[in-house]
């Protein structure tokens, strides 16, 4: 969604502002900032999600770790 908004801005807004390099850069700068902030927020959210999953796994009782998987054989 975030990258598609940037591509839409490049495809629609940039061609209308190609008279000078300064106007072209200015027209792309705001969508580019939007993309960067969106990706940073996505990365932070994914990091927090993975940390939560790791914490949940660590807080589970140790008896769950002792269970055998269906393919394992006890010797």
Protein backbone atom coordinates (compact mmCIF):
# COMPACT_ATOMS: atom_id res chain seq x y z
CA UNK A 1 0.00 0.00 0.00
CA UNK A 2 2.76 2.43 0.95
CA UNK A 3 4.93 1.68 -2.06
CA UNK A 4 1.93 1.79 -4.39
CA UNK A 5 1.11 5.30 -3.13
CA UNK A 6 4.65 6.36 -3.96
CA UNK A 7 4.48 4.81 -7.43
CA UNK A 8 1.17 6.59 -8.02
CA UNK A 9 2.77 9.89 -7.03
CA UNK A 10 5.70 9.26 -9.35
CA UNK A 11 3.38 8.32 -12.22
CA UNK A 12 0.91 11.18 -11.77
CA UNK A 13 2.60 14.09 -10.00
CA UNK A 14 6.11 13.88 -11.42
CA UNK A 15 5.23 14.24 -15.11
CA UNK A 16 3.26 17.42 -14.33
CA UNK A 17 6.33 18.99 -12.66
CA UNK A 18 9.12 18.19 -15.09
CA UNK A 19 9.73 21.80 -16.15
CA UNK A 20 12.58 22.16 -13.67
CA UNK A 21 14.64 19.83 -11.55
CA UNK A 22 13.77 21.72 -8.36
CA UNK A 23 10.02 21.32 -8.90
CA UNK A 24 10.44 17.64 -9.77
CA UNK A 25 12.44 16.96 -6.61
CA UNK A 26 9.97 18.95 -4.51
CA UNK A 27 7.01 17.01 -5.90
CA UNK A 28 8.58 13.64 -5.06
CA UNK A 29 10.03 14.59 -1.67
CA UNK A 30 6.80 14.39 0.36
CA UNK A 31 5.72 10.95 -1.01
CA UNK A 32 9.26 9.68 -0.44
CA UNK A 33 9.15 10.82 3.20
CA UNK A 34 5.76 9.10 3.52
CA UNK A 35 7.21 5.85 2.20
CA UNK A 36 10.22 5.98 4.49
CA UNK A 37 8.15 6.69 7.61
CA UNK A 38 5.70 3.94 6.69
CA UNK A 39 8.46 1.39 6.27
CA UNK A 40 10.09 2.45 9.55
CA UNK A 41 6.77 2.05 11.38
CA UNK A 42 6.24 -1.34 9.74
CA UNK A 43 9.70 -2.44 10.86
CA UNK A 44 9.10 -1.27 14.43
CA UNK A 45 5.76 -3.07 14.54
CA UNK A 46 7.25 -6.29 13.19
CA UNK A 47 10.10 -6.09 15.70
CA UNK A 48 7.66 -5.66 18.60
CA UNK A 49 5.51 -8.50 17.31
CA UNK A 50 8.47 -10.87 17.13
CA UNK A 51 9.64 -9.84 20.59
CA UNK A 52 6.16 -10.57 21.95
CA UNK A 53 6.11 -14.01 20.31
CA UNK A 54 9.52 -14.79 21.79
CA UNK A 55 8.38 -13.66 25.24
CA UNK A 56 5.23 -15.80 25.05
CA UNK A 57 7.33 -18.81 24.05
CA UNK A 58 9.72 -18.24 26.95
CA UNK A 59 6.89 -17.88 29.49
CA UNK A 60 5.22 -21.16 28.55
CA UNK A 61 5.70 -23.99 31.03
CA UNK A 62 8.80 -26.10 30.49
CA UNK A 63 6.66 -29.24 30.16
CA UNK A 64 5.66 -28.04 26.70
CA UNK A 65 9.34 -28.13 25.69
CA UNK A 66 9.59 -31.76 26.84
CA UNK A 67 6.82 -32.99 24.53
CA UNK A 68 8.03 -35.02 21.58
CA UNK A 69 7.16 -34.17 18.03
CA UNK A 70 5.22 -36.84 16.11
CA UNK A 71 8.27 -37.82 14.04
CA UNK A 72 10.66 -38.21 16.99
CA UNK A 73 11.50 -41.57 18.54
CA UNK A 74 12.50 -42.01 22.16
CA UNK A 75 15.56 -44.18 22.73
